[in-house]
Protein backbone atom coordinates (compact mmCIF):
# COMPACT_ATOMS: atom_id res chain seq x y z
CA MET A 1 114.99 124.34 114.52
CA THR A 2 111.92 122.91 115.79
CA SER A 3 108.20 124.19 116.62
CA ASP A 4 107.98 126.38 119.56
CA LYS A 5 104.91 123.81 120.62
CA ALA A 6 106.89 121.88 122.96
CA ILE A 7 104.05 119.16 122.74
CA ALA A 8 104.67 118.64 119.02
CA HIS A 9 108.53 118.18 119.68
CA TRP A 10 107.89 115.94 122.55
CA THR A 11 105.28 113.95 120.67
CA ILE A 12 107.43 113.19 117.70
CA ASP A 13 110.49 112.70 120.12
CA ALA A 14 108.65 110.24 121.90
CA LEU A 15 107.78 108.02 119.09
CA ILE A 16 110.95 108.08 117.64
CA GLN A 17 112.15 106.59 120.84
CA LEU A 18 109.54 103.63 120.36
CA GLY A 19 110.98 102.94 117.51
CA MET A 20 108.95 105.16 114.73
CA GLN A 21 111.61 105.81 111.61
CA ARG A 22 108.81 107.18 109.14
CA LEU A 23 105.81 109.54 109.07
CA ILE A 24 103.95 110.66 106.37
CA TYR A 25 102.11 113.95 106.49
CA SER A 26 98.86 114.99 104.65
CA PRO A 27 99.25 119.04 104.15
CA GLY A 28 97.39 121.54 106.39
CA SER A 29 97.71 124.66 108.82
CA ARG A 30 96.52 123.25 112.16
CA ASN A 31 99.35 120.08 111.97
CA THR A 32 101.95 123.06 111.29
CA PRO A 33 103.73 122.59 114.45
CA LEU A 34 103.89 118.67 114.00
CA ILE A 35 105.11 119.32 110.45
CA ILE A 36 108.03 121.80 111.64
CA ALA A 37 109.12 119.40 114.58
CA GLY A 38 108.94 116.37 112.41
CA THR A 39 110.83 117.62 109.27
CA GLY A 40 113.37 119.11 111.58
CA HIS A 41 114.18 115.67 113.36
CA SER A 42 117.27 114.21 111.74
CA ALA A 43 116.10 110.64 112.85
CA LEU A 44 112.77 110.49 110.98
CA GLU A 45 112.21 109.95 106.99
CA HIS A 46 109.10 111.54 106.00
CA HIS A 47 106.70 111.98 103.15
CA THR A 48 103.65 113.77 101.87
CA VAL A 49 100.81 112.67 100.64
CA LEU A 50 97.59 114.74 99.86
CA ASP A 51 94.99 112.34 100.31
CA GLU A 52 95.03 111.30 104.04
CA ARG A 53 93.13 107.54 103.17
CA SER A 54 95.97 106.72 100.83
CA ALA A 55 98.43 108.24 103.52
CA ALA A 56 97.31 105.71 105.92
CA PHE A 57 97.33 102.77 103.57
CA GLN A 58 100.75 103.53 102.48
CA ALA A 59 101.55 103.84 106.09
CA ILE A 60 100.12 100.30 106.77
CA GLY A 61 101.89 99.08 103.59
CA ALA A 62 105.68 100.13 105.07
CA SER A 63 104.49 98.96 108.36
CA LEU A 64 104.00 95.34 106.80
CA MET A 65 107.54 95.59 105.16
CA THR A 66 109.51 96.61 107.90
CA ASP A 67 107.11 95.54 111.11
CA GLN A 68 107.80 98.98 112.44
CA ILE A 69 105.45 101.75 113.92
CA VAL A 70 104.61 104.28 111.10
CA GLY A 71 102.90 107.48 111.62
CA VAL A 72 100.26 109.60 109.92
CA CYS A 73 100.01 113.11 110.81
CA CYS A 74 96.87 115.51 109.26
CA THR A 75 94.99 118.73 110.10
CA SER A 76 91.75 119.20 112.17
CA GLY A 77 88.45 118.52 111.06
CA SER A 78 87.12 115.78 108.05
CA ALA A 79 90.79 115.05 107.71
CA LEU A 80 91.15 112.20 110.14
CA ALA A 81 87.76 111.12 109.03
CA ASN A 82 89.60 109.88 105.95
CA TYR A 83 92.08 107.67 108.02
CA TYR A 84 89.27 105.55 109.50
CA PRO A 85 89.21 102.53 106.65
CA ALA A 86 92.92 102.05 107.26
CA VAL A 87 92.34 102.21 111.17
CA LEU A 88 89.93 99.55 110.79
CA GLU A 89 92.39 97.43 108.51
CA ALA A 90 95.36 98.25 111.06
CA PHE A 91 93.15 97.39 114.00
CA TYR A 92 92.04 94.17 112.70
CA SER A 93 95.57 92.89 111.27
CA LYS A 94 97.28 94.03 114.43
CA ILE A 95 99.62 96.73 112.50
CA PRO A 96 101.35 99.43 114.91
CA LEU A 97 99.84 102.44 112.93
CA VAL A 98 99.90 105.74 114.80
CA LEU A 99 97.78 108.71 113.96
CA ILE A 100 98.80 111.97 114.91
CA THR A 101 95.80 114.76 114.46
CA ALA A 102 95.84 118.23 115.17
CA ASP A 103 92.79 120.09 116.58
CA ARG A 104 91.91 123.41 117.65
CA PRO A 105 91.55 124.52 121.53
CA LEU A 106 89.25 122.56 123.50
CA ASP A 107 87.46 126.05 124.08
CA ARG A 108 86.82 126.75 120.55
CA ILE A 109 84.98 123.41 119.39
CA GLY A 110 81.40 123.77 118.75
CA LYS A 111 81.55 127.29 118.34
CA GLY A 112 81.37 127.96 114.60
CA GLU A 113 84.91 127.63 113.79
CA GLY A 114 85.98 126.13 110.40
CA GLN A 115 87.63 122.38 109.98
CA THR A 116 86.34 121.48 113.46
CA CYS A 117 84.42 118.60 114.79
CA ASP A 118 84.93 116.33 117.98
CA GLN A 119 88.11 114.66 117.50
CA THR A 120 88.68 113.00 121.19
CA ASP A 121 88.39 109.06 120.81
CA PHE A 122 87.36 109.57 117.24
CA TYR A 123 87.90 106.02 116.42
CA GLY A 124 85.84 104.38 119.33
CA SER A 125 86.55 100.66 119.95
CA HIS A 126 88.50 100.25 116.69
CA ILE A 127 91.76 102.01 118.16
CA GLY A 128 94.22 100.31 120.49
CA PHE A 129 94.65 103.52 122.56
CA SER A 130 93.52 107.07 122.10
CA ALA A 131 95.37 109.99 123.48
CA SER A 132 94.81 113.79 124.07
CA PHE A 133 97.41 116.40 124.48
CA ASP A 134 97.23 120.25 124.69
CA GLU A 135 99.88 122.96 124.93
CA SER A 136 99.62 122.55 128.86
CA THR A 137 100.38 118.83 128.94
CA THR A 138 103.70 118.32 131.00
CA VAL A 139 106.59 115.98 130.47
CA GLU A 140 105.62 113.67 133.29
CA GLU A 141 102.02 113.19 131.82
CA ILE A 142 103.50 112.59 128.42
CA LYS A 143 105.61 109.80 130.03
CA GLU A 144 102.61 108.43 131.84
CA VAL A 145 100.52 108.10 128.53
CA PHE A 146 103.47 106.70 126.71
CA SER A 147 103.26 103.33 128.93
CA HIS A 148 99.66 103.14 127.32
CA ILE A 149 100.88 103.97 123.94
CA HIS A 150 103.62 101.49 124.17
CA HIS A 151 101.97 98.92 125.28
CA SER A 152 99.20 99.12 122.21
CA LEU A 153 102.01 99.57 119.33
CA ALA A 154 104.42 96.92 121.05
CA ILE A 155 102.53 94.44 122.80
CA LYS A 156 98.94 94.36 121.15
CA LYS A 157 100.04 95.71 117.82
CA GLU A 158 97.17 97.98 117.78
CA PRO A 159 96.90 101.36 116.10
CA VAL A 160 97.03 104.65 118.29
CA HIS A 161 95.44 107.83 117.92
CA ILE A 162 97.20 110.85 119.31
CA ASN A 163 94.79 114.23 119.04
CA ILE A 164 96.80 117.35 119.99
CA HIS A 165 94.90 120.82 120.37
CA PHE A 166 97.06 123.71 119.18
CA ASP A 167 96.64 127.52 120.02
CA GLU A 168 97.47 130.03 117.40
CA PRO A 169 99.87 131.14 115.99
CA LEU A 170 101.00 127.91 114.60
CA TYR A 171 104.43 128.80 112.57
CA GLY A 172 106.56 129.80 115.28
CA GLN A 173 110.07 128.28 115.49
CA VAL A 174 112.84 127.65 118.27
CA GLU A 175 116.51 126.65 118.21
CA HIS A 176 115.88 124.03 120.51
CA VAL A 177 113.44 122.07 122.93
CA GLU A 178 114.44 119.49 125.92
CA SER A 179 113.86 116.34 124.50
CA VAL A 180 111.36 113.93 126.53
CA ARG A 181 113.33 110.90 127.90
CA LEU A 182 110.96 108.10 128.13
CA PRO A 183 112.03 105.39 130.53
CA GLU A 184 112.65 101.73 129.47
CA PHE A 185 109.11 99.63 129.07
CA ALA A 186 109.48 96.09 129.58
CA LEU A 187 108.31 93.58 127.29
CA THR A 188 105.75 90.97 128.97
CA LYS A 189 107.04 87.19 127.82
CA SER A 190 104.44 84.91 126.94
CA LYS A 191 103.98 81.87 128.56
CA PRO A 192 104.37 78.39 127.02
CA ALA A 193 101.15 76.69 125.99
CA ASP A 194 100.29 73.41 125.52
CA LEU A 195 97.32 71.34 123.65
CA SER A 196 96.31 69.13 126.10
CA PRO A 197 93.02 70.26 126.12
CA LEU A 198 92.53 68.95 122.88
CA SER A 199 93.63 65.66 123.81
CA SER A 200 89.87 64.39 124.79
CA CYS A 201 89.13 64.98 121.33
CA GLN A 202 88.70 62.03 119.20
CA LYS A 203 89.84 64.00 115.77
CA VAL A 204 91.41 67.37 115.70
CA ALA A 205 91.24 69.53 112.47
CA VAL A 206 94.42 71.72 112.22
CA VAL A 207 93.26 74.92 110.31
CA CYS A 208 95.54 77.86 109.32
CA GLY A 209 94.30 81.38 108.22
CA GLN A 210 96.29 84.07 106.66
CA LEU A 211 99.68 84.38 107.88
CA ARG A 212 102.74 86.94 107.55
CA PRO A 213 105.52 85.81 105.66
CA GLU A 214 108.12 85.62 108.88
CA ASP A 215 105.36 82.88 110.35
CA VAL A 216 105.24 81.28 106.84
CA GLU A 217 108.86 80.64 106.93
CA PHE A 218 108.96 79.31 110.40
CA PHE A 219 106.09 77.02 109.58
CA LYS A 220 108.10 75.74 106.31
CA THR A 221 111.46 75.43 107.73
CA SER A 222 110.79 74.19 111.50
CA GLY A 223 109.43 70.63 110.36
CA LEU A 224 106.26 71.38 112.53
CA ILE A 225 104.04 70.39 110.09
CA SER A 226 105.65 67.19 108.99
CA SER A 227 106.03 66.32 112.84
CA SER A 228 102.41 66.89 113.63
CA ASN A 229 101.34 64.01 111.46
CA ALA A 230 98.20 66.28 110.80
CA THR A 231 96.85 67.57 107.34
CA TRP A 232 97.15 71.66 107.73
CA PHE A 233 93.69 72.80 106.04
CA VAL A 234 95.52 76.05 104.84
CA ASP A 235 93.92 79.47 103.66
CA PRO A 236 95.42 80.52 99.99
CA LEU A 237 96.65 83.64 101.75
CA SER A 238 98.41 81.67 104.50
CA GLY A 239 101.50 81.02 102.20
CA LEU A 240 101.49 77.17 103.14
CA LEU A 241 99.28 76.30 100.28
CA GLY A 242 101.61 73.62 98.33
CA ALA A 243 103.88 72.91 100.79
CA GLY A 244 103.76 69.21 102.18
CA ASN A 245 100.69 68.00 104.27
CA CYS A 246 98.81 71.20 103.29
CA VAL A 247 95.38 71.31 101.34
CA ASN A 248 92.99 73.87 100.52
CA ILE A 249 90.86 75.13 103.58
CA ASP A 250 87.88 73.99 101.41
CA GLU A 251 88.68 70.74 102.03
CA LEU A 252 87.74 70.80 105.43
CA VAL A 253 84.11 70.73 104.53
CA HIS A 254 84.41 66.89 103.43
CA HIS A 255 85.39 65.87 106.68
CA GLU A 256 84.14 64.98 110.59
CA PHE A 257 86.34 66.09 113.59
CA ASP A 258 85.43 67.10 117.42
CA GLY A 259 88.45 69.31 118.16
CA LEU A 260 89.96 72.35 116.25
CA LEU A 261 93.58 73.78 116.33
CA SER A 262 93.71 76.74 114.29
CA PHE A 263 96.82 79.40 113.63
CA GLY A 264 97.10 82.72 112.05
CA GLY A 265 94.49 85.55 110.97
CA GLN A 266 90.98 84.99 109.18
CA TRP A 267 89.80 82.40 106.86
CA MET A 268 88.82 83.75 103.47
CA SER A 269 86.20 81.09 102.34
CA LYS A 270 82.88 81.10 104.39
CA PHE A 271 82.29 77.68 103.47
CA PRO A 272 84.75 76.17 106.24
CA LYS A 273 83.43 78.68 108.62
CA PHE A 274 79.73 77.16 108.27
CA HIS A 275 80.93 73.61 108.41
CA VAL A 276 82.82 73.99 111.98
CA ARG A 277 79.65 75.90 113.41
CA LYS A 278 77.60 72.82 112.75
CA MET A 279 80.18 70.19 114.05
CA ASN A 280 79.36 70.91 117.66
CA LEU A 281 83.02 71.13 118.60
CA SER A 282 84.49 69.77 121.99
CA VAL A 283 87.22 72.24 122.14
CA HIS A 284 88.48 74.84 119.86
CA VAL A 285 92.26 76.26 120.58
CA HIS A 286 93.75 79.20 118.73
CA CYS A 287 97.28 80.02 118.71
CA ASP A 288 98.26 83.84 117.74
CA ASP A 289 100.27 86.45 119.64
CA HIS A 290 97.86 89.03 118.94
CA GLN A 291 94.47 88.25 117.63
CA ALA A 292 91.85 85.26 117.90
CA TRP A 293 88.63 84.74 116.51
CA ASN A 294 85.87 81.93 117.75
CA VAL A 295 85.07 80.93 114.35
CA SER A 296 83.31 77.76 115.51
CA ASP A 297 81.09 79.32 118.13
CA SER A 298 82.56 76.53 120.19
CA ARG A 299 81.78 77.17 124.14
CA ASP A 300 84.98 75.63 124.99
CA PHE A 301 87.24 78.03 123.12
CA ILE A 302 90.80 78.90 124.46
CA TRP A 303 93.14 81.21 123.18
CA HIS A 304 96.75 80.64 123.61
CA LYS A 305 98.49 84.26 123.24
CA VAL A 306 101.42 82.50 121.70
CA SER A 307 103.42 81.69 118.42
CA ALA A 308 103.45 78.11 117.34
CA LYS A 309 106.99 78.13 118.36
CA GLU A 310 105.79 78.26 121.99
CA LEU A 311 103.73 74.97 121.61
CA SER A 312 103.97 71.64 123.46
CA GLY A 313 101.81 68.63 123.73
CA TRP A 314 101.81 67.91 119.94
CA SER A 315 101.96 63.98 120.39
CA SER A 316 98.90 64.10 123.02
CA CYS A 317 96.58 64.87 120.18
CA SER A 318 94.66 62.54 117.17
CA PHE A 319 94.82 64.75 114.50
CA LEU A 320 92.87 64.58 111.19
CA LYS A 321 95.19 62.98 108.41
CA ILE A 322 93.70 62.81 104.90
CA ALA A 323 95.45 62.36 101.44
CA GLU A 324 97.02 65.40 99.40
CA LYS A 325 95.29 66.39 96.14
CA PRO A 326 97.59 67.33 93.46
CA LEU A 327 97.00 70.69 91.93
CA ASN A 328 95.93 69.82 88.27
CA LEU A 329 95.27 72.87 86.50
CA PRO A 330 93.03 72.86 83.24
CA ASP A 331 93.51 74.76 80.12
CA LEU A 332 91.94 78.17 80.53
CA PRO A 333 90.19 80.22 77.92
CA TRP A 334 91.37 84.22 77.90
CA SER A 335 89.85 85.22 80.95
CA ASP A 336 90.86 86.88 84.64
CA ALA A 337 91.72 83.57 85.76
CA LEU A 338 94.18 82.87 83.07
CA ALA A 339 95.78 86.73 83.54
CA VAL A 340 96.06 86.29 86.96
CA GLN A 341 97.89 82.56 86.60
CA THR A 342 100.01 84.14 83.69
CA ILE A 343 101.34 87.20 86.08
CA VAL A 344 101.53 84.85 89.35
CA GLN A 345 103.86 82.07 87.26
CA SER A 346 105.81 85.06 85.65
CA LEU A 347 107.31 85.63 89.30
CA SER A 348 110.53 84.51 91.00
CA LYS A 349 110.07 83.39 94.74
CA GLU A 350 112.26 86.85 95.74
CA ASP A 351 109.10 88.83 94.05
CA ILE A 352 106.74 90.53 96.61
CA LEU A 353 103.58 90.04 95.56
CA HIS A 354 100.50 92.13 96.50
CA LEU A 355 96.73 91.59 96.05
CA GLY A 356 93.37 93.67 95.70
CA ASN A 357 90.32 92.45 97.31
CA SER A 358 87.42 90.67 96.27
CA SER A 359 87.66 87.89 93.67
CA ILE A 360 91.31 88.45 93.26
CA PRO A 361 92.74 86.68 96.37
CA ARG A 362 90.32 83.89 95.77
CA TYR A 363 92.19 82.90 92.67
CA MET A 364 95.55 82.06 94.90
CA SER A 365 93.72 78.92 95.73
CA TYR A 366 94.93 77.54 92.36
CA PHE A 367 97.87 79.51 91.21
CA LEU A 368 100.98 79.27 94.04
CA HIS A 369 103.57 81.99 94.74
CA GLN A 370 106.53 80.79 96.63
CA GLY A 371 107.61 84.11 97.75
CA ALA A 372 105.72 86.97 100.21
CA VAL A 373 102.03 87.53 99.54
CA TYR A 374 100.56 90.58 101.22
CA CYS A 375 96.37 91.16 100.77
CA ASN A 376 94.40 93.50 103.39
CA ARG A 377 92.26 91.11 104.75
CA GLY A 378 91.68 92.57 108.14
CA VAL A 379 87.97 93.98 106.83
CA SER A 380 88.58 92.60 103.35
CA GLY A 381 87.76 96.06 102.05
CA ILE A 382 88.78 97.27 98.21
CA ASP A 383 89.84 100.47 99.40
CA GLY A 384 93.53 101.07 99.78
CA SER A 385 95.26 98.21 97.85
CA LEU A 386 97.14 100.36 95.44
CA SER A 387 98.24 102.62 98.36
CA THR A 388 99.34 99.86 100.48
CA ALA A 389 101.52 98.53 97.60
CA VAL A 390 102.98 101.70 96.95
CA GLY A 391 103.84 102.18 100.45
CA ALA A 392 105.44 98.55 100.72
CA ALA A 393 107.53 99.41 97.54
CA ARG A 394 109.02 102.55 98.88
CA VAL A 395 110.47 101.19 101.98
CA ARG A 396 111.78 98.00 100.22
CA PRO A 397 113.19 99.26 97.24
CA GLU A 398 115.81 96.40 96.92
CA LYS A 399 112.61 94.21 96.40
CA ASN A 400 110.68 93.66 93.05
CA HIS A 401 106.81 94.24 94.11
CA VAL A 402 103.81 93.35 91.95
CA LEU A 403 100.16 94.35 92.60
CA ILE A 404 97.04 92.37 90.63
CA ILE A 405 94.38 94.34 91.21
CA GLY A 406 90.31 94.56 90.00
CA ASP A 407 89.22 97.35 88.14
CA GLN A 408 86.82 98.53 90.72
CA SER A 409 89.59 98.54 93.73
CA PHE A 410 91.80 100.28 91.33
CA LEU A 411 89.43 103.11 90.61
CA TYR A 412 88.66 103.48 94.33
CA ASP A 413 91.98 103.86 95.14
CA SER A 414 93.52 105.96 91.89
CA ASN A 415 94.60 108.79 94.05
CA ALA A 416 97.76 106.57 94.92
CA LEU A 417 98.45 106.91 91.25
CA MET A 418 100.27 110.39 92.36
CA HIS A 419 102.79 108.30 94.14
CA LEU A 420 102.99 105.17 91.94
CA ARG A 421 105.44 107.21 89.93
CA GLU A 422 107.58 107.82 92.77
CA VAL A 423 108.73 104.14 93.06
CA ASP A 424 110.63 102.45 90.11
CA ASN A 425 110.12 99.10 91.59
CA LEU A 426 106.22 98.32 91.61
CA ARG A 427 104.31 97.02 88.70
CA VAL A 428 100.62 97.25 88.87
CA PHE A 429 98.40 94.88 86.75
CA VAL A 430 94.74 95.95 86.65
CA ILE A 431 92.26 93.03 85.45
CA ASN A 432 89.64 95.01 83.77
CA ASN A 433 86.42 93.34 83.35
CA CYS A 434 84.42 96.56 83.70
CA VAL A 435 82.33 95.08 86.29
CA GLY A 436 82.51 93.97 89.89
CA GLU A 437 82.84 90.35 88.81
CA ILE A 438 82.52 88.65 92.24
CA PHE A 439 78.82 89.20 92.26
CA ASN A 440 78.39 87.12 89.08
CA TRP A 441 79.77 84.13 91.32
CA LEU A 442 77.24 84.59 94.14
CA PRO A 443 73.96 82.42 93.36
CA GLY A 444 71.87 84.98 95.11
CA THR A 445 72.64 87.75 92.95
CA SER A 446 71.28 86.16 89.93
CA GLN A 447 67.61 85.93 91.40
CA THR A 448 67.53 89.67 91.91
CA SER A 449 66.17 92.32 89.63
CA LYS A 450 67.97 93.66 86.42
CA ALA A 451 68.21 96.80 88.54
CA ALA A 452 69.51 95.34 91.53
CA GLN A 453 71.90 93.18 89.24
CA ALA A 454 73.28 96.66 87.64
CA VAL A 455 74.13 98.05 91.25
CA TYR A 456 75.92 94.71 92.06
CA SER A 457 78.19 94.92 88.83
CA ASN A 458 78.95 98.94 88.70
CA TYR A 459 79.60 98.90 85.02
CA GLN A 460 82.24 101.17 84.20
CA GLU A 461 84.11 102.33 80.87
CA VAL A 462 87.15 104.32 82.66
CA ASP A 463 89.92 104.94 80.19
CA ILE A 464 92.54 103.67 82.68
CA ALA A 465 95.60 104.50 80.00
CA THR A 466 94.52 108.08 80.17
CA LEU A 467 93.67 108.06 83.74
CA ALA A 468 97.27 106.93 84.45
CA LEU A 469 98.73 109.07 81.83
CA ALA A 470 97.15 112.09 84.04
CA TYR A 471 99.23 111.14 86.84
CA ASP A 472 102.43 110.79 84.84
CA CYS A 473 102.31 107.03 84.63
CA ARG A 474 103.48 104.85 81.87
CA SER A 475 100.47 102.10 80.91
CA GLU A 476 99.77 99.91 78.38
CA VAL A 477 96.67 97.59 77.31
CA ALA A 478 97.07 93.82 77.35
CA GLN A 479 93.67 92.22 75.41
CA ASN A 480 94.97 88.66 75.17
CA LEU A 481 98.00 86.22 76.18
CA SER A 482 100.57 87.03 74.04
CA GLU A 483 100.11 90.90 74.71
CA LEU A 484 99.96 90.30 78.43
CA GLN A 485 103.12 88.15 78.10
CA SER A 486 105.26 91.02 76.40
CA ALA A 487 104.20 93.90 78.57
CA GLU A 488 106.72 95.69 80.08
CA SER A 489 105.24 98.86 81.60
CA THR A 490 104.62 100.18 85.29
CA LEU A 491 100.62 99.82 85.01
CA VAL A 492 99.18 97.15 82.73
CA GLU A 493 95.33 97.19 81.90
CA VAL A 494 94.39 93.41 81.36
CA LEU A 495 91.26 94.10 79.40
CA THR A 496 89.23 90.83 80.23
CA VAL A 497 85.65 92.22 79.33
CA GLU A 498 85.26 89.92 76.41
CA GLY A 499 86.88 86.93 78.40
CA LYS A 500 85.09 83.98 79.42
CA ASN A 501 85.85 85.01 83.14
CA THR A 502 83.06 82.88 84.84
CA GLU A 503 83.32 79.54 82.66
CA ALA A 504 86.98 79.80 83.61
CA PHE A 505 86.18 80.29 87.35
CA GLU A 506 84.18 77.35 87.23
CA ALA A 507 86.72 74.99 85.44
CA LEU A 508 88.88 75.86 88.47
CA LYS A 509 86.48 75.27 91.17
CA LYS A 510 85.90 71.47 89.63
CA MET A 511 89.35 70.86 90.73
CA ASN A 512 88.58 70.59 94.41
């Protein structure tokens, strides 16, 4: 059985033809035709997530693991607004997320109906493509629009919004609706690019931002780093820190150069960005299939829309080369830093590590994990980190997943606890110092009033164990190194409120 609304069936069917295998529903009434059509399709795996914000981040986690299109579907009104944080993350991290939103008929919008707002082009400039269908949309119109949807998802790797206006009644079913058959869409091949624009520079710095694990594997196994005869200044989330010829990106601030070659996503540290902007660079070349930022503000900024596999002309460049620095860790007191170090060092290279945002990923400048590392750095928000890890663990059940997350990020995304119990291959470590610790690292905040500092710190005393129990998640508290090393629960609250957190972080920074 499927919905008697042909447009609902055609939309689901067309997305499956583009490669969508998973769809996460949030319950509603207006999206009933899509629920009937999707749950009745044997080729589609579906899940139910009450909170739309969590649902969209779980879809991001699933897409990151599978490199496939993943969809979310909700009802009308405020529901689609809850997708917006994940839309931002997907847009800036280049993740093929599909948002299917149900809507009232056009002639009922603005006339006092419930759960109604203007949903057309709702996500503005933060979406790869927006489409609007209603029950009069034809198969030929579907095919035309899906050529643009395919281009956004497969070529640009950007999210897509499909908004569908449904008339009542909504619950009708039929045995069969003729499928829409999409034509084959050609994938455009990128042209090889060379580095000759950098050949005029006296010294070229090579910088690598955040990378996906498959790109890390190429850089590590291809011999490109060693053969380039360059020092690579790499972000802690590049996955390359600790590899030969690679140093922390913060080392860049100690060196002069007039050309820049960059790869991958954004740089977490702001100091290298400030440094390159002062250099008055002759040329900045960035290489990435899907995204680029003129971090240097260079007037001669060149974006090669290719991967590193498709570059030539390395021998024509004079690259910056410096001596590598060994990573000699100090003995740390009980603190956030020691907790993160202990967790990371307990992992095997087969384990998948997920990180919350704010202070947590910054510790990866010092503690190295040889396996895959994921962190939502598209817009670097604290929302959705737990949900992303849950979504990732669900679709890669053969792997052990570990999430290290701060208390503020954890509480912000606590609705995902409803689904943590559904996966048995994800462990969550909540580093709980009861405040927003990163604001203690920023020199400007100490100069503000006590009232302002209270806002930054957002001191909280939530009983995390009781919160976990409410969602039927097994948890325990670790208040020292021994308890952390022996912890076995799905959720471990690492209590560091009495720890020497700032002192430990300052000791780590002195290593650079």
